Amino acid sequence: MFSVHRDPNNPFIGPESDTPWKALAAFNPSPVRGKSRTQVLYRAAAEPALFAGVGDLELSTIAIGTSTD
């Protein structure tokens, strides 16, 4: 069994304002460690303004990040 603790000074995922589909939020990370890399599946949310005129459309996307270190 292991424990995971949030580090408030160093989050490893977060929103990216320059990428519309993940500008609002990034959350629910799920890391998987392989032999030579770590991959993280996470959910990202777009800014509602991206869909102006569509009503109350909220979009979240499943994304993947990869690291070799």
N, C-alpha and C. Protein backbone atom coordinates (compact mmCIF):
# COMPACT_ATOMS: atom_id res chain seq x y z
N MET A 1 0.84 -1.17 0.00
CA MET A 1 0.00 0.00 0.00
C MET A 1 0.89 1.24 0.00
N PHE A 2 0.44 2.30 -0.65
CA PHE A 2 1.20 3.54 -0.66
C PHE A 2 0.25 4.72 -0.50
N SER A 3 0.82 5.85 -0.16
CA SER A 3 0.04 7.08 0.01
C SER A 3 0.53 8.12 -0.98
N VAL A 4 -0.38 8.94 -1.44
CA VAL A 4 -0.05 10.04 -2.33
C VAL A 4 -0.45 11.32 -1.64
N HIS A 5 0.44 12.27 -1.60
CA HIS A 5 0.17 13.55 -0.95
C HIS A 5 0.35 14.68 -1.95
N ARG A 6 -0.58 15.62 -1.94
CA ARG A 6 -0.51 16.78 -2.82
C ARG A 6 0.58 17.73 -2.35
N ASP A 7 1.41 18.18 -3.28
CA ASP A 7 2.44 19.16 -2.99
C ASP A 7 1.94 20.51 -3.49
N PRO A 8 1.56 21.43 -2.62
CA PRO A 8 0.99 22.71 -3.05
C PRO A 8 1.98 23.59 -3.81
N ASN A 9 3.28 23.31 -3.69
CA ASN A 9 4.29 24.13 -4.36
C ASN A 9 4.71 23.58 -5.72
N ASN A 10 4.26 22.39 -6.08
CA ASN A 10 4.75 21.79 -7.31
C ASN A 10 3.70 20.85 -7.92
N PRO A 11 2.57 21.37 -8.39
CA PRO A 11 1.61 20.47 -9.03
C PRO A 11 2.18 19.97 -10.36
N PHE A 12 1.91 18.73 -10.71
CA PHE A 12 2.49 18.23 -11.95
C PHE A 12 1.53 18.31 -13.14
N ILE A 13 0.29 18.69 -12.91
CA ILE A 13 -0.61 19.05 -14.01
C ILE A 13 -1.35 20.32 -13.60
N GLY A 14 -1.78 21.06 -14.58
CA GLY A 14 -2.54 22.26 -14.30
C GLY A 14 -3.10 22.82 -15.60
N PRO A 15 -3.98 23.80 -15.51
CA PRO A 15 -4.54 24.40 -16.72
C PRO A 15 -3.44 25.12 -17.50
N GLU A 16 -3.64 25.20 -18.82
CA GLU A 16 -2.71 25.93 -19.69
C GLU A 16 -3.51 26.92 -20.50
N SER A 17 -3.39 28.20 -20.16
CA SER A 17 -4.23 29.23 -20.78
C SER A 17 -3.99 29.36 -22.28
N ASP A 18 -2.84 28.94 -22.78
CA ASP A 18 -2.55 29.05 -24.22
C ASP A 18 -3.08 27.85 -25.02
N THR A 19 -3.68 26.87 -24.35
CA THR A 19 -4.26 25.70 -25.02
C THR A 19 -5.75 25.67 -24.69
N PRO A 20 -6.60 26.08 -25.64
CA PRO A 20 -8.03 26.26 -25.34
C PRO A 20 -8.73 25.07 -24.70
N TRP A 21 -8.43 23.85 -25.12
CA TRP A 21 -9.17 22.70 -24.60
C TRP A 21 -8.77 22.31 -23.19
N LYS A 22 -7.69 22.90 -22.66
CA LYS A 22 -7.33 22.66 -21.26
C LYS A 22 -7.02 23.95 -20.51
N ALA A 23 -7.70 25.03 -20.91
CA ALA A 23 -7.44 26.34 -20.33
C ALA A 23 -8.10 26.55 -18.97
N LEU A 24 -9.20 25.87 -18.69
CA LEU A 24 -9.92 26.09 -17.44
C LEU A 24 -9.37 25.26 -16.29
N ALA A 25 -9.13 23.98 -16.52
CA ALA A 25 -8.70 23.11 -15.43
C ALA A 25 -8.07 21.83 -15.97
N ALA A 26 -7.25 21.23 -15.14
CA ALA A 26 -6.68 19.90 -15.40
C ALA A 26 -6.74 19.15 -14.07
N PHE A 27 -7.35 17.97 -14.07
CA PHE A 27 -7.55 17.27 -12.80
C PHE A 27 -7.71 15.77 -13.01
N ASN A 28 -7.85 15.04 -11.92
CA ASN A 28 -7.99 13.59 -11.91
C ASN A 28 -6.81 12.86 -12.56
N PRO A 29 -5.57 13.22 -12.21
CA PRO A 29 -4.43 12.52 -12.82
C PRO A 29 -4.37 11.06 -12.38
N SER A 30 -3.94 10.22 -13.29
CA SER A 30 -3.80 8.80 -13.00
C SER A 30 -2.49 8.33 -13.63
N PRO A 31 -1.39 8.34 -12.87
CA PRO A 31 -0.09 7.98 -13.44
C PRO A 31 0.11 6.47 -13.57
N VAL A 32 0.83 6.09 -14.61
CA VAL A 32 1.21 4.70 -14.84
C VAL A 32 2.70 4.70 -15.15
N ARG A 33 3.46 3.98 -14.34
CA ARG A 33 4.91 3.94 -14.51
C ARG A 33 5.28 2.71 -15.34
N GLY A 34 6.03 2.92 -16.42
CA GLY A 34 6.53 1.83 -17.25
C GLY A 34 8.03 1.69 -17.05
N LYS A 35 8.68 0.89 -17.87
CA LYS A 35 10.12 0.67 -17.74
C LYS A 35 10.93 1.93 -18.04
N SER A 36 10.53 2.68 -19.06
CA SER A 36 11.34 3.82 -19.48
C SER A 36 10.61 5.16 -19.41
N ARG A 37 9.36 5.17 -18.99
CA ARG A 37 8.62 6.43 -18.95
C ARG A 37 7.43 6.32 -18.00
N THR A 38 6.90 7.48 -17.66
CA THR A 38 5.68 7.58 -16.88
C THR A 38 4.64 8.28 -17.74
N GLN A 39 3.45 7.72 -17.79
CA GLN A 39 2.36 8.36 -18.52
C GLN A 39 1.26 8.70 -17.52
N VAL A 40 0.62 9.85 -17.74
CA VAL A 40 -0.44 10.31 -16.86
C VAL A 40 -1.68 10.59 -17.70
N LEU A 41 -2.73 9.87 -17.41
CA LEU A 41 -4.03 10.19 -18.00
C LEU A 41 -4.69 11.21 -17.08
N TYR A 42 -5.28 12.25 -17.65
CA TYR A 42 -5.95 13.25 -16.83
C TYR A 42 -7.12 13.85 -17.60
N ARG A 43 -7.97 14.54 -16.88
CA ARG A 43 -9.11 15.21 -17.49
C ARG A 43 -8.83 16.70 -17.55
N ALA A 44 -9.13 17.31 -18.67
CA ALA A 44 -8.92 18.75 -18.85
C ALA A 44 -10.24 19.40 -19.24
N ALA A 45 -10.42 20.65 -18.83
CA ALA A 45 -11.66 21.37 -19.12
C ALA A 45 -11.38 22.65 -19.90
N ALA A 46 -12.23 22.91 -20.88
CA ALA A 46 -12.11 24.12 -21.71
C ALA A 46 -12.87 25.26 -21.06
N GLU A 47 -12.47 26.48 -21.41
CA GLU A 47 -13.19 27.67 -20.97
C GLU A 47 -14.57 27.68 -21.64
N PRO A 48 -15.64 27.94 -20.90
CA PRO A 48 -16.97 27.99 -21.52
C PRO A 48 -17.07 29.03 -22.64
N ALA A 49 -16.30 30.10 -22.59
CA ALA A 49 -16.34 31.15 -23.61
C ALA A 49 -15.90 30.61 -24.97
N LEU A 50 -15.18 29.49 -24.99
CA LEU A 50 -14.76 28.88 -26.25
C LEU A 50 -15.96 28.49 -27.09
N PHE A 51 -17.09 28.24 -26.44
CA PHE A 51 -18.29 27.81 -27.12
C PHE A 51 -19.39 28.87 -27.03
N ALA A 52 -19.03 30.12 -27.14
CA ALA A 52 -19.99 31.22 -27.03
C ALA A 52 -21.14 31.03 -28.02
N GLY A 53 -22.34 31.24 -27.53
CA GLY A 53 -23.52 31.12 -28.37
C GLY A 53 -24.10 29.72 -28.42
N VAL A 54 -23.48 28.77 -27.76
CA VAL A 54 -23.94 27.39 -27.79
C VAL A 54 -24.78 27.06 -26.57
N GLY A 55 -24.91 27.97 -25.64
CA GLY A 55 -25.65 27.71 -24.41
C GLY A 55 -24.69 27.37 -23.28
N ASP A 56 -25.12 26.49 -22.42
CA ASP A 56 -24.30 26.12 -21.26
C ASP A 56 -23.42 24.91 -21.52
N LEU A 57 -22.81 24.86 -22.66
CA LEU A 57 -21.96 23.73 -23.02
C LEU A 57 -20.67 23.75 -22.22
N GLU A 58 -20.39 22.66 -21.55
CA GLU A 58 -19.13 22.49 -20.83
C GLU A 58 -18.42 21.29 -21.43
N LEU A 59 -17.16 21.45 -21.75
CA LEU A 59 -16.40 20.39 -22.41
C LEU A 59 -15.25 19.95 -21.54
N SER A 60 -15.14 18.64 -21.32
CA SER A 60 -13.93 18.10 -20.71
C SER A 60 -13.39 17.02 -21.63
N THR A 61 -12.10 16.88 -21.60
CA THR A 61 -11.38 15.99 -22.51
C THR A 61 -10.45 15.10 -21.71
N ILE A 62 -10.27 13.86 -22.13
CA ILE A 62 -9.27 12.99 -21.55
C ILE A 62 -7.96 13.24 -22.28
N ALA A 63 -6.91 13.47 -21.55
CA ALA A 63 -5.61 13.78 -22.15
C ALA A 63 -4.54 12.83 -21.58
N ILE A 64 -3.39 12.81 -22.22
CA ILE A 64 -2.28 11.99 -21.74
C ILE A 64 -1.00 12.83 -21.77
N GLY A 65 -0.23 12.70 -20.71
CA GLY A 65 1.08 13.33 -20.63
C GLY A 65 2.12 12.24 -20.47
N THR A 66 3.31 12.46 -21.01
CA THR A 66 4.38 11.46 -20.94
C THR A 66 5.66 12.12 -20.47
N SER A 67 6.39 11.42 -19.63
CA SER A 67 7.68 11.90 -19.14
C SER A 67 8.67 10.74 -19.12
N THR A 68 9.90 11.03 -19.43
CA THR A 68 10.95 10.00 -19.37
C THR A 68 11.83 10.15 -18.14
N ASP A 69 11.54 11.16 -17.30
CA ASP A 69 12.34 11.33 -16.08
C ASP A 69 11.57 11.07 -14.82
